[in-house]
Every structure is written in C-alpha cells, then in structure tokens.
C-alpha cells in the first residue's frame, strides 16, 4: 500500500494495485441521523464488535458497493474500498481496516 493522500481536511486515501481505500472522519453528532436515514436502494445492517456502534450500507443494484460506518466517541469513521469486486469482500476489508484503526486509538 502506498502513502496516504489527504482528502481535504477530513480524510485520507490509499491505493494498492487496482484497489483504493478511503477513510473519512465526521462529527458523531450526526450519527443517529446517518444510521436512521432511509435512502432508496440502500440496505443498512448493524455490525458488531467495532467502536461504540457500527453499521454497513450496501447500495446499488447491478454493481453493488459497501461502506462501513463506525462511531467511536465523538468521531464517525467511514471506510470505503474501491476496486474490489464484491460488496462482501469490500466489507471484509473495511472491517479489518476499522479494527486496525480503532486499535491505535486511545481508550
């Protein structure tokens, strides 16, 4: 994986091979709204074992895409993996990245 490149002031992106991942940080004050918002074509599922709360959002019909959202304290961490064919593979990588990131944070 190469060095991270900033996404404005709220995240970073990394690339390896044909894949890219992004990590964006949001203020957790909008967590309940993010989690409860209903959007056409988006399926949300709870994810256990990460942070204070977490959920995935899978979107699209013919070409699906998965995003992992994790709340830890006052911050929401949004993980996205591009260039990986299936949403289940995307989510698996996102969960591994989230566990690694959260493990480096102070309790």
PDB file of N, CA and C in Angstrom:
ATOM      1  N   UNK A   1       0.853  -1.173   0.000  1.00  0.00           N
ATOM      2  CA  UNK A   1       0.000   0.000   0.000  1.00  0.00           C
ATOM      3  C   UNK A   1       0.894   1.231   0.000  1.00  0.00           C
ATOM      4  N   UNK A   2       0.526   2.213  -0.790  1.00  0.00           N
ATOM      5  CA  UNK A   2       1.298   3.444  -0.853  1.00  0.00           C
ATOM      6  C   UNK A   2       0.999   4.371   0.306  1.00  0.00           C
ATOM      7  N   UNK A   3       1.685   5.501   0.332  1.00  0.00           N
ATOM      8  CA  UNK A   3       1.431   6.515   1.360  1.00  0.00           C
ATOM      9  C   UNK A   3       0.044   7.104   1.167  1.00  0.00           C
ATOM     10  N   UNK A   4      -0.548   7.512   2.263  1.00  0.00           N
ATOM     11  CA  UNK A   4      -1.868   8.121   2.197  1.00  0.00           C
ATOM     12  C   UNK A   4      -1.817   9.513   1.594  1.00  0.00           C
ATOM     13  N   UNK A   5      -2.884   9.873   0.907  1.00  0.00           N
ATOM     14  CA  UNK A   5      -3.057  11.212   0.341  1.00  0.00           C
ATOM     15  C   UNK A   5      -4.260  11.850   1.013  1.00  0.00           C
ATOM     16  N   UNK A   6      -4.152  13.123   1.399  1.00  0.00           N
ATOM     17  CA  UNK A   6      -5.276  13.760   2.100  1.00  0.00           C
ATOM     18  C   UNK A   6      -6.509  13.934   1.215  1.00  0.00           C
ATOM     19  N   UNK A   7      -7.669  13.841   1.867  1.00  0.00           N
ATOM     20  CA  UNK A   7      -8.944  14.215   1.262  1.00  0.00           C
ATOM     21  C   UNK A   7      -9.395  15.447   2.036  1.00  0.00           C
ATOM     22  N   UNK A   8      -9.136  16.607   1.471  1.00  0.00           N
ATOM     23  CA  UNK A   8      -9.404  17.879   2.171  1.00  0.00           C
ATOM     24  C   UNK A   8      -8.794  17.805   3.565  1.00  0.00           C
ATOM     25  N   UNK A   9      -9.577  18.133   4.594  1.00  0.00           N
ATOM     26  CA  UNK A   9      -9.074  18.068   5.969  1.00  0.00           C
ATOM     27  C   UNK A   9      -9.763  16.989   6.776  1.00  0.00           C
ATOM     28  N   UNK A  10     -10.545  16.135   6.099  1.00  0.00           N
ATOM     29  CA  UNK A  10     -11.368  15.176   6.843  1.00  0.00           C
ATOM     30  C   UNK A  10     -11.105  13.718   6.505  1.00  0.00           C
ATOM     31  N   UNK A  11     -10.035  13.423   5.799  1.00  0.00           N
ATOM     32  CA  UNK A  11      -9.787  12.030   5.482  1.00  0.00           C
ATOM     33  C   UNK A  11      -8.534  11.807   4.681  1.00  0.00           C
ATOM     34  N   UNK A  12      -8.322  10.548   4.324  1.00  0.00           N
ATOM     35  CA  UNK A  12      -7.173  10.139   3.525  1.00  0.00           C
ATOM     36  C   UNK A  12      -7.581   9.032   2.576  1.00  0.00           C
ATOM     37  N   UNK A  13      -6.783   8.853   1.533  1.00  0.00           N
ATOM     38  CA  UNK A  13      -6.987   7.768   0.585  1.00  0.00           C
ATOM     39  C   UNK A  13      -5.663   7.054   0.349  1.00  0.00           C
ATOM     40  N   UNK A  14      -5.736   5.742   0.171  1.00  0.00           N
ATOM     41  CA  UNK A  14      -4.566   4.915  -0.083  1.00  0.00           C
ATOM     42  C   UNK A  14      -4.875   4.024  -1.277  1.00  0.00           C
ATOM     43  N   UNK A  15      -3.854   3.699  -2.049  1.00  0.00           N
ATOM     44  CA  UNK A  15      -4.026   2.808  -3.194  1.00  0.00           C
ATOM     45  C   UNK A  15      -3.034   1.667  -3.121  1.00  0.00           C
ATOM     46  N   UNK A  16      -3.467   0.514  -3.605  1.00  0.00           N
ATOM     47  CA  UNK A  16      -2.584  -0.635  -3.756  1.00  0.00           C
ATOM     48  C   UNK A  16      -3.113  -1.444  -4.925  1.00  0.00           C
ATOM     49  N   UNK A  17      -2.249  -1.759  -5.854  1.00  0.00           N
ATOM     50  CA  UNK A  17      -2.700  -2.477  -7.044  1.00  0.00           C
ATOM     51  C   UNK A  17      -3.822  -1.720  -7.724  1.00  0.00           C
ATOM     52  N   UNK A  18      -4.924  -2.428  -7.985  1.00  0.00           N
ATOM     53  CA  UNK A  18      -6.084  -1.776  -8.611  1.00  0.00           C
ATOM     54  C   UNK A  18      -7.094  -1.286  -7.580  1.00  0.00           C
ATOM     55  N   UNK A  19      -6.803  -1.491  -6.312  1.00  0.00           N
ATOM     56  CA  UNK A  19      -7.747  -1.117  -5.251  1.00  0.00           C
ATOM     57  C   UNK A  19      -7.353   0.203  -4.589  1.00  0.00           C
ATOM     58  N   UNK A  20      -8.364   0.860  -4.058  1.00  0.00           N
ATOM     59  CA  UNK A  20      -8.189   2.114  -3.322  1.00  0.00           C
ATOM     60  C   UNK A  20      -9.093   2.048  -2.099  1.00  0.00           C
ATOM     61  N   UNK A  21      -8.618   2.618  -1.008  1.00  0.00           N
ATOM     62  CA  UNK A  21      -9.476   2.729   0.175  1.00  0.00           C
ATOM     63  C   UNK A  21      -9.453   4.165   0.665  1.00  0.00           C
ATOM     64  N   UNK A  22     -10.579   4.585   1.239  1.00  0.00           N
ATOM     65  CA  UNK A  22     -10.643   5.915   1.845  1.00  0.00           C
ATOM     66  C   UNK A  22     -11.128   5.789   3.279  1.00  0.00           C
ATOM     67  N   UNK A  23     -10.672   6.711   4.081  1.00  0.00           N
ATOM     68  CA  UNK A  23     -11.136   6.853   5.460  1.00  0.00           C
ATOM     69  C   UNK A  23     -11.501   8.312   5.646  1.00  0.00           C
ATOM     70  N   UNK A  24     -12.752   8.554   5.949  1.00  0.00           N
ATOM     71  CA  UNK A  24     -13.242   9.911   6.205  1.00  0.00           C
ATOM     72  C   UNK A  24     -13.690  10.000   7.648  1.00  0.00           C
ATOM     73  N   UNK A  25     -13.502  11.159   8.252  1.00  0.00           N
ATOM     74  CA  UNK A  25     -13.891  11.399   9.639  1.00  0.00           C
ATOM     75  C   UNK A  25     -15.013  12.421   9.677  1.00  0.00           C
ATOM     76  N   UNK A  26     -16.057  12.107  10.444  1.00  0.00           N
ATOM     77  CA  UNK A  26     -17.202  13.003  10.603  1.00  0.00           C
ATOM     78  C   UNK A  26     -17.458  13.210  12.089  1.00  0.00           C
ATOM     79  N   UNK A  27     -18.144  14.281  12.393  1.00  0.00           N
ATOM     80  CA  UNK A  27     -18.574  14.572  13.752  1.00  0.00           C
ATOM     81  C   UNK A  27     -19.694  13.603  14.132  1.00  0.00           C
ATOM     82  N   UNK A  28     -19.566  12.945  15.261  1.00  0.00           N
ATOM     83  CA  UNK A  28     -20.541  11.933  15.685  1.00  0.00           C
ATOM     84  C   UNK A  28     -21.897  12.522  16.077  1.00  0.00           C
ATOM     85  N   UNK A  29     -22.024  13.837  16.138  1.00  0.00           N
ATOM     86  CA  UNK A  29     -23.325  14.432  16.486  1.00  0.00           C
ATOM     87  C   UNK A  29     -24.385  14.092  15.436  1.00  0.00           C
ATOM     88  N   UNK A  30     -23.979  13.679  14.252  1.00  0.00           N
ATOM     89  CA  UNK A  30     -24.919  13.323  13.184  1.00  0.00           C
ATOM     90  C   UNK A  30     -25.125  11.808  13.074  1.00  0.00           C
ATOM     91  N   UNK A  31     -24.592  11.036  14.021  1.00  0.00           N
ATOM     92  CA  UNK A  31     -24.651   9.577  13.952  1.00  0.00           C
ATOM     93  C   UNK A  31     -26.080   9.042  13.839  1.00  0.00           C
ATOM     94  N   UNK A  32     -26.963   9.478  14.724  1.00  0.00           N
ATOM     95  CA  UNK A  32     -28.334   8.947  14.709  1.00  0.00           C
ATOM     96  C   UNK A  32     -29.017   9.227  13.378  1.00  0.00           C
ATOM     97  N   UNK A  33     -28.770  10.391  12.818  1.00  0.00           N
ATOM     98  CA  UNK A  33     -29.344  10.744  11.520  1.00  0.00           C
ATOM     99  C   UNK A  33     -28.749   9.856  10.424  1.00  0.00           C
ATOM    100  N   UNK A  34     -27.440   9.636  10.462  1.00  0.00           N
ATOM    101  CA  UNK A  34     -26.795   8.764   9.468  1.00  0.00           C
ATOM    102  C   UNK A  34     -27.358   7.349   9.539  1.00  0.00           C
ATOM    103  N   UNK A  35     -27.498   6.862  10.747  1.00  0.00           N
ATOM    104  CA  UNK A  35     -27.913   5.475  10.950  1.00  0.00           C
ATOM    105  C   UNK A  35     -29.383   5.247  10.591  1.00  0.00           C
ATOM    106  N   UNK A  36     -30.223   6.239  10.847  1.00  0.00           N
ATOM    107  CA  UNK A  36     -31.659   6.043  10.644  1.00  0.00           C
ATOM    108  C   UNK A  36     -32.167   6.521   9.286  1.00  0.00           C
ATOM    109  N   UNK A  37     -31.373   7.276   8.551  1.00  0.00           N
ATOM    110  CA  UNK A  37     -31.832   7.788   7.255  1.00  0.00           C
ATOM    111  C   UNK A  37     -32.182   6.632   6.316  1.00  0.00           C
ATOM    112  N   UNK A  38     -33.304   6.771   5.645  1.00  0.00           N
ATOM    113  CA  UNK A  38     -33.746   5.765   4.686  1.00  0.00           C
ATOM    114  C   UNK A  38     -33.512   6.317   3.288  1.00  0.00           C
ATOM    115  N   UNK A  39     -32.742   5.583   2.500  1.00  0.00           N
ATOM    116  CA  UNK A  39     -32.447   6.001   1.136  1.00  0.00           C
ATOM    117  C   UNK A  39     -32.808   4.876   0.175  1.00  0.00           C
ATOM    118  N   UNK A  40     -33.425   5.223  -0.939  1.00  0.00           N
ATOM    119  CA  UNK A  40     -33.801   4.223  -1.939  1.00  0.00           C
ATOM    120  C   UNK A  40     -32.556   3.489  -2.431  1.00  0.00           C
ATOM    121  N   UNK A  41     -32.640   2.167  -2.480  1.00  0.00           N
ATOM    122  CA  UNK A  41     -31.541   1.365  -2.996  1.00  0.00           C
ATOM    123  C   UNK A  41     -30.403   1.118  -2.027  1.00  0.00           C
ATOM    124  N   UNK A  42     -30.570   1.541  -0.754  1.00  0.00           N
ATOM    125  CA  UNK A  42     -29.520   1.350   0.255  1.00  0.00           C
ATOM    126  C   UNK A  42     -30.041   0.417   1.342  1.00  0.00           C
ATOM    127  N   UNK A  43     -29.282  -0.625   1.622  1.00  0.00           N
ATOM    128  CA  UNK A  43     -29.608  -1.564   2.687  1.00  0.00           C
ATOM    129  C   UNK A  43     -28.594  -1.385   3.802  1.00  0.00           C
ATOM    130  N   UNK A  44     -29.073  -1.152   5.020  1.00  0.00           N
ATOM    131  CA  UNK A  44     -28.188  -0.961   6.167  1.00  0.00           C
ATOM    132  C   UNK A  44     -28.271  -2.176   7.083  1.00  0.00           C
ATOM    133  N   UNK A  45     -27.125  -2.549   7.644  1.00  0.00           N
ATOM    134  CA  UNK A  45     -27.052  -3.685   8.566  1.00  0.00           C
ATOM    135  C   UNK A  45     -26.133  -3.329   9.731  1.00  0.00           C
ATOM    136  N   UNK A  46     -26.545  -3.698  10.934  1.00  0.00           N
ATOM    137  CA  UNK A  46     -25.701  -3.482  12.109  1.00  0.00           C
ATOM    138  C   UNK A  46     -24.441  -4.337  12.007  1.00  0.00           C
ATOM    139  N   UNK A  47     -23.354  -3.801  12.525  1.00  0.00           N
ATOM    140  CA  UNK A  47     -22.081  -4.519  12.575  1.00  0.00           C
ATOM    141  C   UNK A  47     -21.628  -4.509  14.027  1.00  0.00           C
ATOM    142  N   UNK A  48     -21.342  -5.669  14.571  1.00  0.00           N
ATOM    143  CA  UNK A  48     -20.940  -5.733  15.986  1.00  0.00           C
ATOM    144  C   UNK A  48     -19.421  -5.810  16.117  1.00  0.00           C
ATOM    145  N   UNK A  49     -18.950  -5.434  17.303  1.00  0.00           N
ATOM    146  CA  UNK A  49     -17.549  -5.588  17.640  1.00  0.00           C
ATOM    147  C   UNK A  49     -16.631  -4.473  17.205  1.00  0.00           C
ATOM    148  N   UNK A  50     -17.180  -3.385  16.672  1.00  0.00           N
ATOM    149  CA  UNK A  50     -16.344  -2.257  16.252  1.00  0.00           C
ATOM    150  C   UNK A  50     -16.838  -0.970  16.897  1.00  0.00           C
ATOM    151  N   UNK A  51     -15.953  -0.289  17.599  1.00  0.00           N
ATOM    152  CA  UNK A  51     -16.279   1.000  18.186  1.00  0.00           C
ATOM    153  C   UNK A  51     -17.450   0.936  19.154  1.00  0.00           C
ATOM    154  N   UNK A  52     -18.126   2.084  19.312  1.00  0.00           N
ATOM    155  CA  UNK A  52     -19.300   2.173  20.171  1.00  0.00           C
ATOM    156  C   UNK A  52     -20.549   1.677  19.454  1.00  0.00           C
ATOM    157  N   UNK A  53     -20.541   1.785  18.120  1.00  0.00           N
ATOM    158  CA  UNK A  53     -21.656   1.362  17.287  1.00  0.00           C
ATOM    159  C   UNK A  53     -21.143   1.334  15.850  1.00  0.00           C
ATOM    160  N   UNK A  54     -21.721   0.498  15.021  1.00  0.00           N
ATOM    161  CA  UNK A  54     -21.288   0.423  13.622  1.00  0.00           C
ATOM    162  C   UNK A  54     -22.398  -0.136  12.756  1.00  0.00           C
ATOM    163  N   UNK A  55     -22.404   0.279  11.489  1.00  0.00           N
ATOM    164  CA  UNK A  55     -23.320  -0.303  10.523  1.00  0.00           C
ATOM    165  C   UNK A  55     -22.690  -0.234   9.134  1.00  0.00           C
ATOM    166  N   UNK A  56     -23.142  -1.151   8.297  1.00  0.00           N
ATOM    167  CA  UNK A  56     -22.714  -1.116   6.898  1.00  0.00           C
ATOM    168  C   UNK A  56     -23.891  -0.645   6.062  1.00  0.00           C
ATOM    169  N   UNK A  57     -23.570  -0.061   4.932  1.00  0.00           N
ATOM    170  CA  UNK A  57     -24.577   0.358   3.972  1.00  0.00           C
ATOM    171  C   UNK A  57     -24.171  -0.203   2.616  1.00  0.00           C
ATOM    172  N   UNK A  58     -25.060  -0.994   2.029  1.00  0.00           N
ATOM    173  CA  UNK A  58     -24.805  -1.549   0.703  1.00  0.00           C
ATOM    174  C   UNK A  58     -25.769  -0.875  -0.261  1.00  0.00           C
ATOM    175  N   UNK A  59     -25.228  -0.387  -1.365  1.00  0.00           N
ATOM    176  CA  UNK A  59     -26.052   0.352  -2.308  1.00  0.00           C
ATOM    177  C   UNK A  59     -25.816  -0.134  -3.726  1.00  0.00           C
ATOM    178  N   UNK A  60     -26.761   0.156  -4.576  1.00  0.00           N
ATOM    179  CA  UNK A  60     -26.658  -0.215  -5.978  1.00  0.00           C
ATOM    180  C   UNK A  60     -27.450  -1.466  -6.273  1.00  0.00           C
ATOM    181  N   UNK A  61     -27.676  -1.691  -7.555  1.00  0.00           N
ATOM    182  CA  UNK A  61     -28.429  -2.873  -7.965  1.00  0.00           C
ATOM    183  C   UNK A  61     -27.542  -3.827  -8.744  1.00  0.00           C
ATOM    184  N   UNK A  62     -27.133  -3.462  -9.954  1.00  0.00           N
ATOM    185  CA  UNK A  62     -26.310  -4.382 -10.744  1.00  0.00           C
ATOM    186  C   UNK A  62     -24.858  -4.382 -10.267  1.00  0.00           C
ATOM    187  N   UNK A  63     -24.341  -3.242  -9.882  1.00  0.00           N
ATOM    188  CA  UNK A  63     -22.980  -3.135  -9.355  1.00  0.00           C
ATOM    189  C   UNK A  63     -23.092  -2.580  -7.941  1.00  0.00           C
ATOM    190  N   UNK A  64     -23.050  -3.462  -6.955  1.00  0.00           N
ATOM    191  CA  UNK A  64     -23.226  -3.041  -5.570  1.00  0.00           C
ATOM    192  C   UNK A  64     -21.926  -2.546  -4.964  1.00  0.00           C
ATOM    193  N   UNK A  65     -22.066  -1.755  -3.899  1.00  0.00           N
ATOM    194  CA  UNK A  65     -20.939  -1.147  -3.216  1.00  0.00           C
ATOM    195  C   UNK A  65     -21.243  -1.109  -1.727  1.00  0.00           C
ATOM    196  N   UNK A  66     -20.264  -1.461  -0.883  1.00  0.00           N
ATOM    197  CA  UNK A  66     -20.460  -1.480   0.573  1.00  0.00           C
ATOM    198  C   UNK A  66     -19.611  -0.416   1.237  1.00  0.00           C
ATOM    199  N   UNK A  67     -20.175   0.219   2.263  1.00  0.00           N
ATOM    200  CA  UNK A  67     -19.494   1.229   3.064  1.00  0.00           C
ATOM    201  C   UNK A  67     -19.649   0.840   4.528  1.00  0.00           C
ATOM    202  N   UNK A  68     -18.578   0.986   5.312  1.00  0.00           N
ATOM    203  CA  UNK A  68     -18.628   0.703   6.743  1.00  0.00           C
ATOM    204  C   UNK A  68     -18.539   2.009   7.511  1.00  0.00           C
ATOM    205  N   UNK A  69     -19.499   2.230   8.420  1.00  0.00           N
ATOM    206  CA  UNK A  69     -19.562   3.423   9.260  1.00  0.00           C
ATOM    207  C   UNK A  69     -19.396   2.996  10.711  1.00  0.00           C
ATOM    208  N   UNK A  70     -18.420   3.588  11.408  1.00  0.00           N
ATOM    209  CA  UNK A  70     -18.127   3.204  12.791  1.00  0.00           C
ATOM    210  C   UNK A  70     -18.096   4.457  13.652  1.00  0.00           C
ATOM    211  N   UNK A  71     -18.866   4.441  14.741  1.00  0.00           N
ATOM    212  CA  UNK A  71     -18.838   5.540  15.717  1.00  0.00           C
ATOM    213  C   UNK A  71     -17.950   5.126  16.883  1.00  0.00           C
ATOM    214  N   UNK A  72     -17.005   5.978  17.208  1.00  0.00           N
ATOM    215  CA  UNK A  72     -16.139   5.764  18.374  1.00  0.00           C
ATOM    216  C   UNK A  72     -15.982   7.120  19.048  1.00  0.00           C
ATOM    217  N   UNK A  73     -16.562   7.257  20.234  1.00  0.00           N
ATOM    218  CA  UNK A  73     -16.503   8.539  20.934  1.00  0.00           C
ATOM    219  C   UNK A  73     -17.200   9.619  20.135  1.00  0.00           C
ATOM    220  N   UNK A  74     -16.517  10.730  19.919  1.00  0.00           N
ATOM    221  CA  UNK A  74     -17.099  11.879  19.228  1.00  0.00           C
ATOM    222  C   UNK A  74     -16.827  11.881  17.732  1.00  0.00           C
ATOM    223  N   UNK A  75     -16.349  10.751  17.201  1.00  0.00           N
ATOM    224  CA  UNK A  75     -15.977  10.700  15.787  1.00  0.00           C
ATOM    225  C   UNK A  75     -16.636   9.516  15.088  1.00  0.00           C
ATOM    226  N   UNK A  76     -17.039   9.740  13.838  1.00  0.00           N
ATOM    227  CA  UNK A  76     -17.511   8.673  12.967  1.00  0.00           C
ATOM    228  C   UNK A  76     -16.418   8.438  11.925  1.00  0.00           C
ATOM    229  N   UNK A  77     -16.050   7.178  11.755  1.00  0.00           N
ATOM    230  CA  UNK A  77     -15.049   6.754  10.791  1.00  0.00           C
ATOM    231  C   UNK A  77     -15.785   6.057   9.647  1.00  0.00           C
ATOM    232  N   UNK A  78     -15.588   6.545   8.424  1.00  0.00           N
ATOM    233  CA  UNK A  78     -16.269   5.982   7.267  1.00  0.00           C
ATOM    234  C   UNK A  78     -15.222   5.344   6.360  1.00  0.00           C
ATOM    235  N   UNK A  79     -15.322   4.023   6.214  1.00  0.00           N
ATOM    236  CA  UNK A  79     -14.370   3.248   5.424  1.00  0.00           C
ATOM    237  C   UNK A  79     -15.009   2.842   4.106  1.00  0.00           C
ATOM    238  N   UNK A  80     -14.288   3.084   3.001  1.00  0.00           N
ATOM    239  CA  UNK A  80     -14.760   2.678   1.673  1.00  0.00           C
ATOM    240  C   UNK A  80     -13.598   2.017   0.940  1.00  0.00           C
ATOM    241  N   UNK A  81     -13.877   0.897   0.285  1.00  0.00           N
ATOM    242  CA  UNK A  81     -12.886   0.201  -0.523  1.00  0.00           C
ATOM    243  C   UNK A  81     -13.412   0.126  -1.948  1.00  0.00           C
ATOM    244  N   UNK A  82     -12.607   0.590  -2.891  1.00  0.00           N
ATOM    245  CA  UNK A  82     -12.951   0.581  -4.311  1.00  0.00           C
ATOM    246  C   UNK A  82     -12.038  -0.400  -5.049  1.00  0.00           C
ATOM    247  N   UNK A  83     -12.509  -0.940  -6.155  1.00  0.00           N
ATOM    248  CA  UNK A  83     -11.675  -1.814  -6.968  1.00  0.00           C
ATOM    249  C   UNK A  83     -11.680  -3.260  -6.516  1.00  0.00           C
ATOM    250  N   UNK A  84     -12.570  -3.587  -5.589  1.00  0.00           N
ATOM    251  CA  UNK A  84     -12.759  -4.963  -5.136  1.00  0.00           C
ATOM    252  C   UNK A  84     -14.148  -5.370  -5.610  1.00  0.00           C
ATOM    253  N   UNK A  85     -14.249  -6.530  -6.238  1.00  0.00           N
ATOM    254  CA  UNK A  85     -15.457  -6.885  -6.978  1.00  0.00           C
ATOM    255  C   UNK A  85     -16.737  -7.037  -6.175  1.00  0.00           C
ATOM    256  N   UNK A  86     -16.697  -7.680  -5.021  1.00  0.00           N
ATOM    257  CA  UNK A  86     -17.967  -7.948  -4.336  1.00  0.00           C
ATOM    258  C   UNK A  86     -18.116  -7.106  -3.069  1.00  0.00           C
ATOM    259  N   UNK A  87     -19.356  -6.728  -2.756  1.00  0.00           N
ATOM    260  CA  UNK A  87     -19.599  -5.983  -1.527  1.00  0.00           C
ATOM    261  C   UNK A  87     -19.157  -6.746  -0.278  1.00  0.00           C
ATOM    262  N   UNK A  88     -19.282  -8.075  -0.288  1.00  0.00           N
ATOM    263  CA  UNK A  88     -18.858  -8.843   0.900  1.00  0.00           C
ATOM    264  C   UNK A  88     -17.345  -8.761   1.071  1.00  0.00           C
ATOM    265  N   UNK A  89     -16.586  -8.770  -0.034  1.00  0.00           N
ATOM    266  CA  UNK A  89     -15.131  -8.600   0.060  1.00  0.00           C
ATOM    267  C   UNK A  89     -14.775  -7.190   0.505  1.00  0.00           C
ATOM    268  N   UNK A  90     -15.494  -6.199  -0.031  1.00  0.00           N
ATOM    269  CA  UNK A  90     -15.271  -4.811   0.385  1.00  0.00           C
ATOM    270  C   UNK A  90     -15.479  -4.686   1.892  1.00  0.00           C
ATOM    271  N   UNK A  91     -16.598  -5.208   2.370  1.00  0.00           N
ATOM    272  CA  UNK A  91     -16.933  -5.092   3.783  1.00  0.00           C
ATOM    273  C   UNK A  91     -15.927  -5.836   4.656  1.00  0.00           C
ATOM    274  N   UNK A  92     -15.462  -6.973   4.214  1.00  0.00           N
ATOM    275  CA  UNK A  92     -14.459  -7.725   4.971  1.00  0.00           C
ATOM    276  C   UNK A  92     -13.168  -6.911   5.127  1.00  0.00           C
ATOM    277  N   UNK A  93     -12.721  -6.292   4.046  1.00  0.00           N
ATOM    278  CA  UNK A  93     -11.517  -5.455   4.104  1.00  0.00           C
ATOM    279  C   UNK A  93     -11.773  -4.238   4.996  1.00  0.00           C
ATOM    280  N   UNK A  94     -12.938  -3.619   4.846  1.00  0.00           N
ATOM    281  CA  UNK A  94     -13.284  -2.439   5.653  1.00  0.00           C
ATOM    282  C   UNK A  94     -13.302  -2.773   7.143  1.00  0.00           C
ATOM    283  N   UNK A  95     -13.826  -3.937   7.510  1.00  0.00           N
ATOM    284  CA  UNK A  95     -13.860  -4.351   8.915  1.00  0.00           C
ATOM    285  C   UNK A  95     -12.447  -4.543   9.453  1.00  0.00           C
ATOM    286  N   UNK A  96     -11.577  -5.153   8.666  1.00  0.00           N
ATOM    287  CA  UNK A  96     -10.191  -5.346   9.086  1.00  0.00           C
ATOM    288  C   UNK A  96      -9.500  -4.004   9.278  1.00  0.00           C
ATOM    289  N   UNK A  97      -9.690  -3.089   8.327  1.00  0.00           N
ATOM    290  CA  UNK A  97      -9.101  -1.756   8.453  1.00  0.00           C
ATOM    291  C   UNK A  97      -9.641  -1.023   9.678  1.00  0.00           C
ATOM    292  N   UNK A  98     -10.941  -1.114   9.903  1.00  0.00           N
ATOM    293  CA  UNK A  98     -11.549  -0.441  11.055  1.00  0.00           C
ATOM    294  C   UNK A  98     -10.967  -0.976  12.359  1.00  0.00           C
ATOM    295  N   UNK A  99     -10.839  -2.286  12.474  1.00  0.00           N
ATOM    296  CA  UNK A  99     -10.274  -2.876  13.690  1.00  0.00           C
ATOM    297  C   UNK A  99      -8.847  -2.391  13.903  1.00  0.00           C
ATOM    298  N   UNK A 100      -8.067  -2.306  12.830  1.00  0.00           N
ATOM    299  CA  UNK A 100      -6.686  -1.823  12.940  1.00  0.00           C
ATOM    300  C   UNK A 100      -6.640  -0.356  13.368  1.00  0.00           C
ATOM    301  N   UNK A 101      -7.478   0.478  12.733  1.00  0.00           N
ATOM    302  CA  UNK A 101      -7.513   1.902  13.079  1.00  0.00           C
ATOM    303  C   UNK A 101      -7.957   2.106  14.521  1.00  0.00           C
ATOM    304  N   UNK A 102      -9.036   1.453  14.921  1.00  0.00           N
ATOM    305  CA  UNK A 102      -9.568   1.631  16.272  1.00  0.00           C
ATOM    306  C   UNK A 102      -8.586   1.125  17.322  1.00  0.00           C
ATOM    307  N   UNK A 103      -7.806   0.116  17.005  1.00  0.00           N
ATOM    308  CA  UNK A 103      -6.820  -0.419  17.950  1.00  0.00           C
ATOM    309  C   UNK A 103      -5.713   0.576  18.247  1.00  0.00           C
ATOM    310  N   UNK A 104      -5.487   1.529  17.335  1.00  0.00           N
ATOM    311  CA  UNK A 104      -4.426   2.521  17.548  1.00  0.00           C
ATOM    312  C   UNK A 104      -4.895   3.735  18.344  1.00  0.00           C
ATOM    313  N   UNK A 105      -6.202   3.841  18.587  1.00  0.00           N
ATOM    314  CA  UNK A 105      -6.751   4.993  19.299  1.00  0.00           C
ATOM    315  C   UNK A 105      -6.653   4.793  20.803  1.00  0.00           C
ATOM    316  N   UNK A 106      -6.559   5.889  21.519  1.00  0.00           N
ATOM    317  CA  UNK A 106      -6.589   5.826  22.974  1.00  0.00           C
ATOM    318  C   UNK A 106      -7.980   5.393  23.414  1.00  0.00           C
ATOM    319  N   UNK A 107      -8.081   4.684  24.544  1.00  0.00           N
ATOM    320  CA  UNK A 107      -9.408   4.223  25.003  1.00  0.00           C
ATOM    321  C   UNK A 107     -10.364   5.338  25.320  1.00  0.00           C
TER     322      UNK A 107
END
